[in-house]
């Protein structure tokens, strides 16, 4: 049995986006754990894993964001093929290699997802525009070091042995997705991205203006996994300052990306508005031409009638009729 789990802060968003995809991917015996929550999602995820850890009929747990749409009709079959390898602990749709921090996308980016801003399904973006995107990862499966948190599929081993470490995220929402992948790899297990057709309807902001929770999570993650990350020179104070400097620089890069994305989106919207206006003007011109043609045809018919012999012969009768009408009024 494949279980689907989602921590929900907006039931309307879940019902409109995640739920139809879950129904598409579900099988007759699938279990859906849709938990309303006002807390950090990782606490909800851990509660789900605790609930399922003792069961022997669970093949996988699919943990997904409430704004992720699964569009893959072969979703379950693909998961089973990948999890047939007992060394695979986690499967996702987006991840990275050469990961040195919670900013997993600063390494090589791999995956098969698309994203759309908010409720705009007609404007979907591909990660292929990123310079560090590995194009061949759009097809098949690929081993990575970390996954994005929008979609995590946990194997039976991972359900029993792994939990999201809430001490990393510092009370926020950052870092736990990468941390659980490092936990799996530290245990000798594999983390992979699979060709799963999905669309993430994410907001335009990843961090927003308050970057402190992300910076803190960055530092905590780096300290926890120092043995698996590039070393920092210097004593404890120097190392802390270096880590924080790295984190702040990474946060600034994310913000620049956000602003660039917003600017590009505004430019796209403006271009679309101009195209819409052009289409309307073209249509208006066509309607005007058709109306003028109809007027010209009717005028020509009227001129033809007025120049006919019968029109001239009946002129006196029409004049008399008009006089009678005027007299009657």
C-alpha atoms as a PDB file:
ATOM      1  CA  UNK A   1       0.000   0.000   0.000  1.00  0.00           C
ATOM      2  CA  UNK A   2       1.193   3.499  -0.865  1.00  0.00           C
ATOM      3  CA  UNK A   3       0.305   6.208   1.661  1.00  0.00           C
ATOM      4  CA  UNK A   4      -0.026   9.899   0.795  1.00  0.00           C
ATOM      5  CA  UNK A   5       0.557  12.474   3.526  1.00  0.00           C
ATOM      6  CA  UNK A   6       0.067  16.228   3.501  1.00  0.00           C
ATOM      7  CA  UNK A   7       0.282  18.899   6.205  1.00  0.00           C
ATOM      8  CA  UNK A   8      -2.477  21.366   5.364  1.00  0.00           C
ATOM      9  CA  UNK A   9      -2.635  25.029   6.287  1.00  0.00           C
ATOM     10  CA  UNK A  10      -5.199  25.854   3.575  1.00  0.00           C
ATOM     11  CA  UNK A  11      -7.873  23.245   2.969  1.00  0.00           C
ATOM     12  CA  UNK A  12      -8.998  25.153  -0.131  1.00  0.00           C
ATOM     13  CA  UNK A  13      -5.496  24.971  -1.644  1.00  0.00           C
ATOM     14  CA  UNK A  14      -5.185  21.267  -0.839  1.00  0.00           C
ATOM     15  CA  UNK A  15      -8.600  20.426  -2.301  1.00  0.00           C
ATOM     16  CA  UNK A  16      -7.897  22.373  -5.479  1.00  0.00           C
ATOM     17  CA  UNK A  17      -4.280  21.354  -6.141  1.00  0.00           C
ATOM     18  CA  UNK A  18      -2.859  18.419  -4.202  1.00  0.00           C
ATOM     19  CA  UNK A  19      -6.007  16.316  -3.780  1.00  0.00           C
ATOM     20  CA  UNK A  20      -6.832  15.814  -7.492  1.00  0.00           C
ATOM     21  CA  UNK A  21      -3.244  14.707  -8.085  1.00  0.00           C
ATOM     22  CA  UNK A  22      -3.361  12.326  -5.130  1.00  0.00           C
ATOM     23  CA  UNK A  23      -6.550  10.817  -6.527  1.00  0.00           C
ATOM     24  CA  UNK A  24      -4.865  10.396  -9.905  1.00  0.00           C
ATOM     25  CA  UNK A  25      -1.862   8.641  -8.367  1.00  0.00           C
ATOM     26  CA  UNK A  26      -3.756   6.610  -5.756  1.00  0.00           C
ATOM     27  CA  UNK A  27      -4.648   2.961  -5.990  1.00  0.00           C
ATOM     28  CA  UNK A  28      -7.693   1.240  -4.565  1.00  0.00           C
ATOM     29  CA  UNK A  29      -6.034   0.510  -1.214  1.00  0.00           C
ATOM     30  CA  UNK A  30      -4.079   3.780  -0.898  1.00  0.00           C
ATOM     31  CA  UNK A  31      -4.362   5.676   2.366  1.00  0.00           C
ATOM     32  CA  UNK A  32      -4.499   9.482   2.462  1.00  0.00           C
ATOM     33  CA  UNK A  33      -3.391  11.298   5.621  1.00  0.00           C
ATOM     34  CA  UNK A  34      -4.575  14.872   5.098  1.00  0.00           C
ATOM     35  CA  UNK A  35      -3.852  16.601   8.371  1.00  0.00           C
ATOM     36  CA  UNK A  36      -4.910  20.166   9.068  1.00  0.00           C
ATOM     37  CA  UNK A  37      -2.086  21.910  10.850  1.00  0.00           C
ATOM     38  CA  UNK A  38      -1.057  25.284  12.156  1.00  0.00           C
ATOM     39  CA  UNK A  39       2.397  24.081  13.188  1.00  0.00           C
ATOM     40  CA  UNK A  40       5.603  23.590  11.229  1.00  0.00           C
ATOM     41  CA  UNK A  41       4.869  20.803   8.698  1.00  0.00           C
ATOM     42  CA  UNK A  42       7.766  18.624   9.841  1.00  0.00           C
ATOM     43  CA  UNK A  43       6.084  17.950  13.182  1.00  0.00           C
ATOM     44  CA  UNK A  44       3.043  16.713  11.262  1.00  0.00           C
ATOM     45  CA  UNK A  45       5.212  14.618   8.955  1.00  0.00           C
ATOM     46  CA  UNK A  46       6.974  12.999  11.917  1.00  0.00           C
ATOM     47  CA  UNK A  47       3.638  12.182  13.548  1.00  0.00           C
ATOM     48  CA  UNK A  48       2.554  10.481  10.318  1.00  0.00           C
ATOM     49  CA  UNK A  49       5.764   8.446  10.184  1.00  0.00           C
ATOM     50  CA  UNK A  50       5.383   7.432  13.813  1.00  0.00           C
ATOM     51  CA  UNK A  51       1.836   6.276  13.071  1.00  0.00           C
ATOM     52  CA  UNK A  52       2.960   4.167  10.097  1.00  0.00           C
ATOM     53  CA  UNK A  53       6.299   2.843  11.355  1.00  0.00           C
ATOM     54  CA  UNK A  54       4.815  -0.269  12.924  1.00  0.00           C
ATOM     55  CA  UNK A  55       2.823  -1.358   9.890  1.00  0.00           C
ATOM     56  CA  UNK A  56       4.114  -4.016   7.515  1.00  0.00           C
ATOM     57  CA  UNK A  57       1.664  -3.277   4.682  1.00  0.00           C
ATOM     58  CA  UNK A  58       3.101   0.148   3.775  1.00  0.00           C
ATOM     59  CA  UNK A  59       5.281   0.129   0.646  1.00  0.00           C
ATOM     60  CA  UNK A  60       5.992   3.865   0.662  1.00  0.00           C
ATOM     61  CA  UNK A  61       4.876   7.161   2.149  1.00  0.00           C
ATOM     62  CA  UNK A  62       4.484  10.053  -0.284  1.00  0.00           C
ATOM     63  CA  UNK A  63       4.848  13.354   1.576  1.00  0.00           C
ATOM     64  CA  UNK A  64       3.896  16.310  -0.572  1.00  0.00           C
ATOM     65  CA  UNK A  65       3.125  19.994  -0.259  1.00  0.00           C
ATOM     66  CA  UNK A  66      -0.482  21.123  -0.445  1.00  0.00           C
ATOM     67  CA  UNK A  67       0.297  23.100  -3.618  1.00  0.00           C
ATOM     68  CA  UNK A  68       1.959  20.263  -5.545  1.00  0.00           C
ATOM     69  CA  UNK A  69      -0.025  18.638  -8.363  1.00  0.00           C
ATOM     70  CA  UNK A  70       0.827  15.079  -9.409  1.00  0.00           C
ATOM     71  CA  UNK A  71       0.119  14.687 -13.130  1.00  0.00           C
ATOM     72  CA  UNK A  72       1.829  11.323 -13.651  1.00  0.00           C
ATOM     73  CA  UNK A  73      -0.533   8.420 -14.357  1.00  0.00           C
ATOM     74  CA  UNK A  74       2.369   5.981 -13.791  1.00  0.00           C
ATOM     75  CA  UNK A  75       3.320   7.515 -10.459  1.00  0.00           C
ATOM     76  CA  UNK A  76       2.837   4.377  -8.338  1.00  0.00           C
ATOM     77  CA  UNK A  77       4.530   2.076 -10.855  1.00  0.00           C
ATOM     78  CA  UNK A  78       7.579   4.337 -11.042  1.00  0.00           C
ATOM     79  CA  UNK A  79       7.880   4.442  -7.262  1.00  0.00           C
ATOM     80  CA  UNK A  80       7.712   0.657  -7.011  1.00  0.00           C
ATOM     81  CA  UNK A  81      10.418   0.223  -9.643  1.00  0.00           C
ATOM     82  CA  UNK A  82      12.718   2.627  -7.838  1.00  0.00           C
ATOM     83  CA  UNK A  83      12.039   1.300  -4.347  1.00  0.00           C
ATOM     84  CA  UNK A  84      12.651  -2.245  -5.536  1.00  0.00           C
ATOM     85  CA  UNK A  85      16.272  -1.343  -4.798  1.00  0.00           C
ATOM     86  CA  UNK A  86      16.501  -1.783  -1.009  1.00  0.00           C
ATOM     87  CA  UNK A  87      19.333   0.747  -0.877  1.00  0.00           C
ATOM     88  CA  UNK A  88      17.021   3.578  -1.996  1.00  0.00           C
ATOM     89  CA  UNK A  89      15.656   5.447   1.017  1.00  0.00           C
ATOM     90  CA  UNK A  90      14.180   8.605  -0.517  1.00  0.00           C
ATOM     91  CA  UNK A  91      12.730   9.456  -3.915  1.00  0.00           C
ATOM     92  CA  UNK A  92      11.780  12.945  -5.098  1.00  0.00           C
ATOM     93  CA  UNK A  93      11.122  15.031  -8.179  1.00  0.00           C
ATOM     94  CA  UNK A  94      13.856  17.650  -7.664  1.00  0.00           C
ATOM     95  CA  UNK A  95      17.257  17.601  -6.033  1.00  0.00           C
ATOM     96  CA  UNK A  96      20.919  18.404  -6.291  1.00  0.00           C
ATOM     97  CA  UNK A  97      24.447  17.061  -6.452  1.00  0.00           C
ATOM     98  CA  UNK A  98      27.467  18.764  -4.976  1.00  0.00           C
ATOM     99  CA  UNK A  99      25.256  19.998  -2.134  1.00  0.00           C
ATOM    100  CA  UNK A 100      27.188  21.983   0.466  1.00  0.00           C
ATOM    101  CA  UNK A 101      24.329  23.590   2.409  1.00  0.00           C
ATOM    102  CA  UNK A 102      20.567  23.748   2.694  1.00  0.00           C
ATOM    103  CA  UNK A 103      20.714  25.751  -0.546  1.00  0.00           C
ATOM    104  CA  UNK A 104      20.754  22.479  -2.486  1.00  0.00           C
ATOM    105  CA  UNK A 105      20.024  24.275  -5.787  1.00  0.00           C
ATOM    106  CA  UNK A 106      23.468  25.885  -5.762  1.00  0.00           C
ATOM    107  CA  UNK A 107      24.963  22.544  -6.799  1.00  0.00           C
ATOM    108  CA  UNK A 108      23.926  20.646  -9.909  1.00  0.00           C
ATOM    109  CA  UNK A 109      20.131  20.722 -10.195  1.00  0.00           C
ATOM    110  CA  UNK A 110      18.327  17.579 -11.313  1.00  0.00           C
ATOM    111  CA  UNK A 111      14.658  16.704 -11.647  1.00  0.00           C
ATOM    112  CA  UNK A 112      11.534  16.461 -13.721  1.00  0.00           C
ATOM    113  CA  UNK A 113       9.198  18.986 -12.127  1.00  0.00           C
ATOM    114  CA  UNK A 114       7.673  22.185 -13.408  1.00  0.00           C
ATOM    115  CA  UNK A 115       6.438  25.118 -11.390  1.00  0.00           C
ATOM    116  CA  UNK A 116       3.729  27.728 -11.695  1.00  0.00           C
ATOM    117  CA  UNK A 117       3.280  30.905  -9.693  1.00  0.00           C
ATOM    118  CA  UNK A 118       0.255  30.663  -7.440  1.00  0.00           C
ATOM    119  CA  UNK A 119      -2.915  29.835  -9.350  1.00  0.00           C
ATOM    120  CA  UNK A 120      -1.581  30.313 -12.865  1.00  0.00           C
ATOM    121  CA  UNK A 121      -1.590  26.826 -14.406  1.00  0.00           C
ATOM    122  CA  UNK A 122      -1.223  28.224 -17.916  1.00  0.00           C
ATOM    123  CA  UNK A 123       2.191  29.713 -17.126  1.00  0.00           C
ATOM    124  CA  UNK A 124       4.462  26.850 -16.160  1.00  0.00           C
ATOM    125  CA  UNK A 125       8.218  27.100 -15.999  1.00  0.00           C
ATOM    126  CA  UNK A 126      10.927  24.536 -16.601  1.00  0.00           C
ATOM    127  CA  UNK A 127      14.167  24.367 -14.571  1.00  0.00           C
ATOM    128  CA  UNK A 128      16.061  23.961 -17.848  1.00  0.00           C
ATOM    129  CA  UNK A 129      16.673  27.708 -17.874  1.00  0.00           C
ATOM    130  CA  UNK A 130      19.041  27.360 -14.896  1.00  0.00           C
ATOM    131  CA  UNK A 131      22.693  27.264 -15.853  1.00  0.00           C
ATOM    132  CA  UNK A 132      23.389  24.491 -13.335  1.00  0.00           C
ATOM    133  CA  UNK A 133      20.510  22.264 -14.468  1.00  0.00           C
ATOM    134  CA  UNK A 134      21.484  18.773 -15.654  1.00  0.00           C
ATOM    135  CA  UNK A 135      19.358  18.376 -18.772  1.00  0.00           C
ATOM    136  CA  UNK A 136      19.452  14.583 -18.927  1.00  0.00           C
ATOM    137  CA  UNK A 137      17.834  14.389 -15.493  1.00  0.00           C
ATOM    138  CA  UNK A 138      14.475  15.182 -17.103  1.00  0.00           C
ATOM    139  CA  UNK A 139      14.320  11.501 -18.088  1.00  0.00           C
ATOM    140  CA  UNK A 140      14.801   8.423 -15.911  1.00  0.00           C
ATOM    141  CA  UNK A 141      16.234   8.365 -12.405  1.00  0.00           C
ATOM    142  CA  UNK A 142      19.414   9.868 -10.982  1.00  0.00           C
ATOM    143  CA  UNK A 143      21.163   9.640  -7.646  1.00  0.00           C
ATOM    144  CA  UNK A 144      21.468  12.946  -5.788  1.00  0.00           C
ATOM    145  CA  UNK A 145      22.614  14.226  -2.402  1.00  0.00           C
ATOM    146  CA  UNK A 146      19.499  16.149  -1.397  1.00  0.00           C
ATOM    147  CA  UNK A 147      15.873  16.613  -2.411  1.00  0.00           C
ATOM    148  CA  UNK A 148      13.569  19.598  -2.406  1.00  0.00           C
ATOM    149  CA  UNK A 149      10.863  19.301   0.238  1.00  0.00           C
ATOM    150  CA  UNK A 150       7.888  19.658  -2.119  1.00  0.00           C
ATOM    151  CA  UNK A 151       7.871  15.864  -2.633  1.00  0.00           C
ATOM    152  CA  UNK A 152       9.506  13.143  -0.536  1.00  0.00           C
ATOM    153  CA  UNK A 153       8.784   9.454  -1.000  1.00  0.00           C
ATOM    154  CA  UNK A 154      10.082   7.378   1.919  1.00  0.00           C
ATOM    155  CA  UNK A 155      10.855   3.669   1.680  1.00  0.00           C
ATOM    156  CA  UNK A 156       9.804   1.227   4.441  1.00  0.00           C
ATOM    157  CA  UNK A 157      13.323   1.497   5.887  1.00  0.00           C
ATOM    158  CA  UNK A 158      13.120   5.305   5.901  1.00  0.00           C
ATOM    159  CA  UNK A 159       9.683   5.211   7.539  1.00  0.00           C
ATOM    160  CA  UNK A 160      11.159   3.234  10.417  1.00  0.00           C
ATOM    161  CA  UNK A 161      14.570   4.859  10.723  1.00  0.00           C
ATOM    162  CA  UNK A 162      14.376   8.504   9.636  1.00  0.00           C
ATOM    163  CA  UNK A 163      12.646  11.562  11.049  1.00  0.00           C
ATOM    164  CA  UNK A 164      12.722  15.243  10.141  1.00  0.00           C
ATOM    165  CA  UNK A 165      15.095  16.919  12.585  1.00  0.00           C
ATOM    166  CA  UNK A 166      13.190  19.952  13.833  1.00  0.00           C
ATOM    167  CA  UNK A 167      16.248  21.240  15.671  1.00  0.00           C
ATOM    168  CA  UNK A 168      17.716  22.149  12.288  1.00  0.00           C
ATOM    169  CA  UNK A 169      14.934  24.416  11.085  1.00  0.00           C
ATOM    170  CA  UNK A 170      15.097  26.711  14.137  1.00  0.00           C
ATOM    171  CA  UNK A 171      11.320  26.937  14.346  1.00  0.00           C
ATOM    172  CA  UNK A 172      10.995  27.790  10.658  1.00  0.00           C
ATOM    173  CA  UNK A 173      10.415  25.735   7.543  1.00  0.00           C
ATOM    174  CA  UNK A 174      13.953  25.568   6.149  1.00  0.00           C
ATOM    175  CA  UNK A 175      16.573  22.862   6.071  1.00  0.00           C
ATOM    176  CA  UNK A 176      14.756  19.743   7.245  1.00  0.00           C
ATOM    177  CA  UNK A 177      14.229  18.498   3.693  1.00  0.00           C
ATOM    178  CA  UNK A 178      17.973  18.476   3.011  1.00  0.00           C
ATOM    179  CA  UNK A 179      18.791  17.185   6.501  1.00  0.00           C
ATOM    180  CA  UNK A 180      16.726  13.997   6.162  1.00  0.00           C
ATOM    181  CA  UNK A 181      18.517  13.255   2.894  1.00  0.00           C
ATOM    182  CA  UNK A 182      21.875  13.600   4.649  1.00  0.00           C
ATOM    183  CA  UNK A 183      20.619  11.269   7.361  1.00  0.00           C
ATOM    184  CA  UNK A 184      19.838   8.637   4.730  1.00  0.00           C
ATOM    185  CA  UNK A 185      23.197   9.028   3.014  1.00  0.00           C
ATOM    186  CA  UNK A 186      25.058   8.907   6.327  1.00  0.00           C
ATOM    187  CA  UNK A 187      23.400   5.503   6.849  1.00  0.00           C
ATOM    188  CA  UNK A 188      24.688   4.281   3.494  1.00  0.00           C
ATOM    189  CA  UNK A 189      21.370   4.633   1.665  1.00  0.00           C
ATOM    190  CA  UNK A 190      20.594   6.291  -1.664  1.00  0.00           C
ATOM    191  CA  UNK A 191      18.612   9.432  -2.418  1.00  0.00           C
ATOM    192  CA  UNK A 192      17.277   9.700  -5.981  1.00  0.00           C
ATOM    193  CA  UNK A 193      15.191  11.872  -8.262  1.00  0.00           C
ATOM    194  CA  UNK A 194      12.758  10.076 -10.537  1.00  0.00           C
ATOM    195  CA  UNK A 195      10.976  11.172 -13.686  1.00  0.00           C
ATOM    196  CA  UNK A 196       7.709  12.156 -12.006  1.00  0.00           C
ATOM    197  CA  UNK A 197       5.403  14.581 -13.798  1.00  0.00           C
ATOM    198  CA  UNK A 198       4.479  17.200 -11.220  1.00  0.00           C
ATOM    199  CA  UNK A 199       3.708  20.921 -11.052  1.00  0.00           C
ATOM    200  CA  UNK A 200       4.504  22.982  -7.966  1.00  0.00           C
ATOM    201  CA  UNK A 201       2.249  26.036  -7.590  1.00  0.00           C
ATOM    202  CA  UNK A 202       4.678  27.865  -5.362  1.00  0.00           C
ATOM    203  CA  UNK A 203       4.710  31.512  -4.408  1.00  0.00           C
ATOM    204  CA  UNK A 204       7.209  33.929  -5.848  1.00  0.00           C
ATOM    205  CA  UNK A 205       8.998  34.330  -2.518  1.00  0.00           C
ATOM    206  CA  UNK A 206      11.193  31.640  -0.975  1.00  0.00           C
ATOM    207  CA  UNK A 207      12.633  33.721   1.860  1.00  0.00           C
ATOM    208  CA  UNK A 208      11.000  37.119   1.707  1.00  0.00           C
ATOM    209  CA  UNK A 209      12.580  40.001   3.544  1.00  0.00           C
ATOM    210  CA  UNK A 210      13.134  38.196   6.867  1.00  0.00           C
ATOM    211  CA  UNK A 211      16.082  35.919   6.146  1.00  0.00           C
ATOM    212  CA  UNK A 212      17.086  35.257   9.761  1.00  0.00           C
ATOM    213  CA  UNK A 213      15.266  31.869  10.118  1.00  0.00           C
ATOM    214  CA  UNK A 214      16.902  30.643   6.922  1.00  0.00           C
ATOM    215  CA  UNK A 215      20.346  31.890   7.986  1.00  0.00           C
ATOM    216  CA  UNK A 216      19.979  30.171  11.364  1.00  0.00           C
ATOM    217  CA  UNK A 217      18.905  26.909   9.721  1.00  0.00           C
ATOM    218  CA  UNK A 218      21.862  27.172   7.339  1.00  0.00           C
ATOM    219  CA  UNK A 219      24.288  27.481  10.254  1.00  0.00           C
ATOM    220  CA  UNK A 220      22.690  24.686  12.288  1.00  0.00           C
ATOM    221  CA  UNK A 221      22.731  22.330   9.327  1.00  0.00           C
ATOM    222  CA  UNK A 222      26.383  23.126   8.587  1.00  0.00           C
ATOM    223  CA  UNK A 223      27.404  22.423  12.169  1.00  0.00           C
ATOM    224  CA  UNK A 224      25.463  19.165  12.305  1.00  0.00           C
ATOM    225  CA  UNK A 225      26.904  17.826   9.065  1.00  0.00           C
ATOM    226  CA  UNK A 226      30.423  19.305   9.247  1.00  0.00           C
ATOM    227  CA  UNK A 227      31.935  15.875   8.570  1.00  0.00           C
ATOM    228  CA  UNK A 228      30.118  15.682   5.213  1.00  0.00           C
ATOM    229  CA  UNK A 229      30.685  19.288   4.142  1.00  0.00           C
ATOM    230  CA  UNK A 230      33.735  21.345   3.128  1.00  0.00           C
ATOM    231  CA  UNK A 231      35.776  22.345   6.181  1.00  0.00           C
ATOM    232  CA  UNK A 232      36.021  25.914   7.498  1.00  0.00           C
ATOM    233  CA  UNK A 233      39.374  27.213   8.680  1.00  0.00           C
ATOM    234  CA  UNK A 234      39.907  28.948  12.011  1.00  0.00           C
ATOM    235  CA  UNK A 235      38.803  28.583  15.618  1.00  0.00           C
ATOM    236  CA  UNK A 236      35.229  28.333  16.833  1.00  0.00           C
ATOM    237  CA  UNK A 237      34.467  32.062  16.617  1.00  0.00           C
ATOM    238  CA  UNK A 238      36.007  32.397  13.177  1.00  0.00           C
ATOM    239  CA  UNK A 239      34.138  29.337  11.996  1.00  0.00           C
ATOM    240  CA  UNK A 240      30.833  30.692  13.291  1.00  0.00           C
ATOM    241  CA  UNK A 241      31.407  34.026  11.597  1.00  0.00           C
ATOM    242  CA  UNK A 242      32.381  32.266   8.362  1.00  0.00           C
ATOM    243  CA  UNK A 243      29.268  30.104   8.451  1.00  0.00           C
ATOM    244  CA  UNK A 244      27.032  33.054   9.119  1.00  0.00           C
ATOM    245  CA  UNK A 245      28.701  35.032   6.351  1.00  0.00           C
ATOM    246  CA  UNK A 246      28.140  32.147   3.960  1.00  0.00           C
ATOM    247  CA  UNK A 247      24.513  31.864   5.031  1.00  0.00           C
ATOM    248  CA  UNK A 248      23.841  35.579   4.595  1.00  0.00           C
ATOM    249  CA  UNK A 249      25.504  35.554   1.178  1.00  0.00           C
ATOM    250  CA  UNK A 250      23.412  32.552   0.139  1.00  0.00           C
ATOM    251  CA  UNK A 251      20.255  34.249   1.404  1.00  0.00           C
ATOM    252  CA  UNK A 252      21.126  37.349  -0.613  1.00  0.00           C
ATOM    253  CA  UNK A 253      21.500  35.204  -3.729  1.00  0.00           C
ATOM    254  CA  UNK A 254      18.080  33.681  -3.111  1.00  0.00           C
ATOM    255  CA  UNK A 255      16.554  37.143  -2.696  1.00  0.00           C
ATOM    256  CA  UNK A 256      18.179  38.352  -5.899  1.00  0.00           C
ATOM    257  CA  UNK A 257      16.683  35.343  -7.627  1.00  0.00           C
ATOM    258  CA  UNK A 258      13.275  36.158  -6.171  1.00  0.00           C
ATOM    259  CA  UNK A 259      13.483  39.756  -7.348  1.00  0.00           C
ATOM    260  CA  UNK A 260      14.654  38.668 -10.796  1.00  0.00           C
ATOM    261  CA  UNK A 261      11.784  36.205 -10.990  1.00  0.00           C
ATOM    262  CA  UNK A 262       9.283  38.890  -9.993  1.00  0.00           C
ATOM    263  CA  UNK A 263      10.773  41.316 -12.529  1.00  0.00           C
ATOM    264  CA  UNK A 264      10.685  38.707 -15.287  1.00  0.00           C
ATOM    265  CA  UNK A 265       7.126  37.831 -14.344  1.00  0.00           C
ATOM    266  CA  UNK A 266       6.084  41.491 -14.450  1.00  0.00           C
ATOM    267  CA  UNK A 267       7.716  41.851 -17.866  1.00  0.00           C
ATOM    268  CA  UNK A 268       5.929  38.713 -19.064  1.00  0.00           C
ATOM    269  CA  UNK A 269       2.597  40.039 -17.823  1.00  0.00           C
ATOM    270  CA  UNK A 270       3.213  43.369 -19.568  1.00  0.00           C
ATOM    271  CA  UNK A 271       4.130  41.603 -22.821  1.00  0.00           C
ATOM    272  CA  UNK A 272       0.983  39.491 -22.568  1.00  0.00           C
ATOM    273  CA  UNK A 273      -1.122  42.593 -21.964  1.00  0.00           C
ATOM    274  CA  UNK A 274       0.375  44.246 -25.039  1.00  0.00           C
ATOM    275  CA  UNK A 275      -0.300  41.120 -27.093  1.00  0.00           C
ATOM    276  CA  UNK A 276      -3.884  41.032 -25.822  1.00  0.00           C
ATOM    277  CA  UNK A 277      -4.395  44.680 -26.756  1.00  0.00           C
ATOM    278  CA  UNK A 278      -2.915  44.013 -30.205  1.00  0.00           C
ATOM    279  CA  UNK A 279      -5.260  41.054 -30.692  1.00  0.00           C
ATOM    280  CA  UNK A 280      -8.250  43.180 -29.649  1.00  0.00           C
ATOM    281  CA  UNK A 281      -7.231  45.975 -31.996  1.00  0.00           C
ATOM    282  CA  UNK A 282      -6.851  43.470 -34.848  1.00  0.00           C
ATOM    283  CA  UNK A 283     -10.274  41.998 -34.096  1.00  0.00           C
ATOM    284  CA  UNK A 284     -11.831  45.467 -33.874  1.00  0.00           C
ATOM    285  CA  UNK A 285     -10.319  46.365 -37.250  1.00  0.00           C
ATOM    286  CA  UNK A 286     -11.729  43.179 -38.770  1.00  0.00           C
ATOM    287  CA  UNK A 287     -15.221  43.917 -37.393  1.00  0.00           C
ATOM    288  CA  UNK A 288     -15.056  47.489 -38.687  1.00  0.00           C
ATOM    289  CA  UNK A 289     -14.098  46.270 -42.158  1.00  0.00           C
ATOM    290  CA  UNK A 290     -16.936  43.757 -42.188  1.00  0.00           C
ATOM    291  CA  UNK A 291     -19.451  46.390 -41.068  1.00  0.00           C
ATOM    292  CA  UNK A 292     -18.219  48.861 -43.674  1.00  0.00           C
ATOM    293  CA  UNK A 293     -18.470  46.179 -46.349  1.00  0.00           C
ATOM    294  CA  UNK A 294     -22.051  45.433 -45.284  1.00  0.00           C
ATOM    295  CA  UNK A 295     -22.890  49.159 -45.364  1.00  0.00           C
ATOM    296  CA  UNK A 296     -21.349  49.483 -48.833  1.00  0.00           C
ATOM    297  CA  UNK A 297     -23.319  46.493 -50.121  1.00  0.00           C
ATOM    298  CA  UNK A 298     -26.608  47.848 -48.750  1.00  0.00           C
ATOM    299  CA  UNK A 299     -25.867  51.322 -50.125  1.00  0.00           C
ATOM    300  CA  UNK A 300     -25.124  49.893 -53.552  1.00  0.00           C
ATOM    301  CA  UNK A 301     -28.398  47.947 -53.480  1.00  0.00           C
ATOM    302  CA  UNK A 302     -30.283  51.105 -52.484  1.00  0.00           C
ATOM    303  CA  UNK A 303     -28.592  53.162 -55.205  1.00  0.00           C
ATOM    304  CA  UNK A 304     -29.481  50.463 -57.717  1.00  0.00           C
ATOM    305  CA  UNK A 305     -33.126  50.541 -56.667  1.00  0.00           C
ATOM    306  CA  UNK A 306     -33.264  54.330 -56.794  1.00  0.00           C
ATOM    307  CA  UNK A 307     -31.818  54.426 -60.300  1.00  0.00           C
ATOM    308  CA  UNK A 308     -34.210  51.809 -61.649  1.00  0.00           C
ATOM    309  CA  UNK A 309     -37.096  52.655 -64.095  1.00  0.00           C
ATOM    310  CA  UNK A 310     -39.728  51.298 -61.689  1.00  0.00           C
ATOM    311  CA  UNK A 311     -38.457  53.628 -58.943  1.00  0.00           C
ATOM    312  CA  UNK A 312     -38.772  56.606 -61.261  1.00  0.00           C
ATOM    313  CA  UNK A 313     -42.254  55.611 -62.461  1.00  0.00           C
ATOM    314  CA  UNK A 314     -43.592  55.216 -58.934  1.00  0.00           C
ATOM    315  CA  UNK A 315     -42.112  58.479 -57.701  1.00  0.00           C
ATOM    316  CA  UNK A 316     -45.436  60.361 -57.945  1.00  0.00           C
ATOM    317  CA  UNK A 317     -47.236  57.656 -55.983  1.00  0.00           C
ATOM    318  CA  UNK A 318     -44.660  57.767 -53.203  1.00  0.00           C
ATOM    319  CA  UNK A 319     -44.916  61.535 -53.011  1.00  0.00           C
ATOM    320  CA  UNK A 320     -48.710  61.362 -52.759  1.00  0.00           C
ATOM    321  CA  UNK A 321     -48.445  58.731 -50.034  1.00  0.00           C
ATOM    322  CA  UNK A 322     -46.059  60.909 -48.060  1.00  0.00           C
ATOM    323  CA  UNK A 323     -48.443  63.880 -48.402  1.00  0.00           C
ATOM    324  CA  UNK A 324     -51.370  61.808 -47.137  1.00  0.00           C
ATOM    325  CA  UNK A 325     -49.331  60.636 -44.156  1.00  0.00           C
ATOM    326  CA  UNK A 326     -48.350  64.185 -43.323  1.00  0.00           C
ATOM    327  CA  UNK A 327     -51.990  65.295 -43.594  1.00  0.00           C
ATOM    328  CA  UNK A 328     -53.176  62.451 -41.395  1.00  0.00           C
ATOM    329  CA  UNK A 329     -50.755  63.371 -38.695  1.00  0.00           C
END
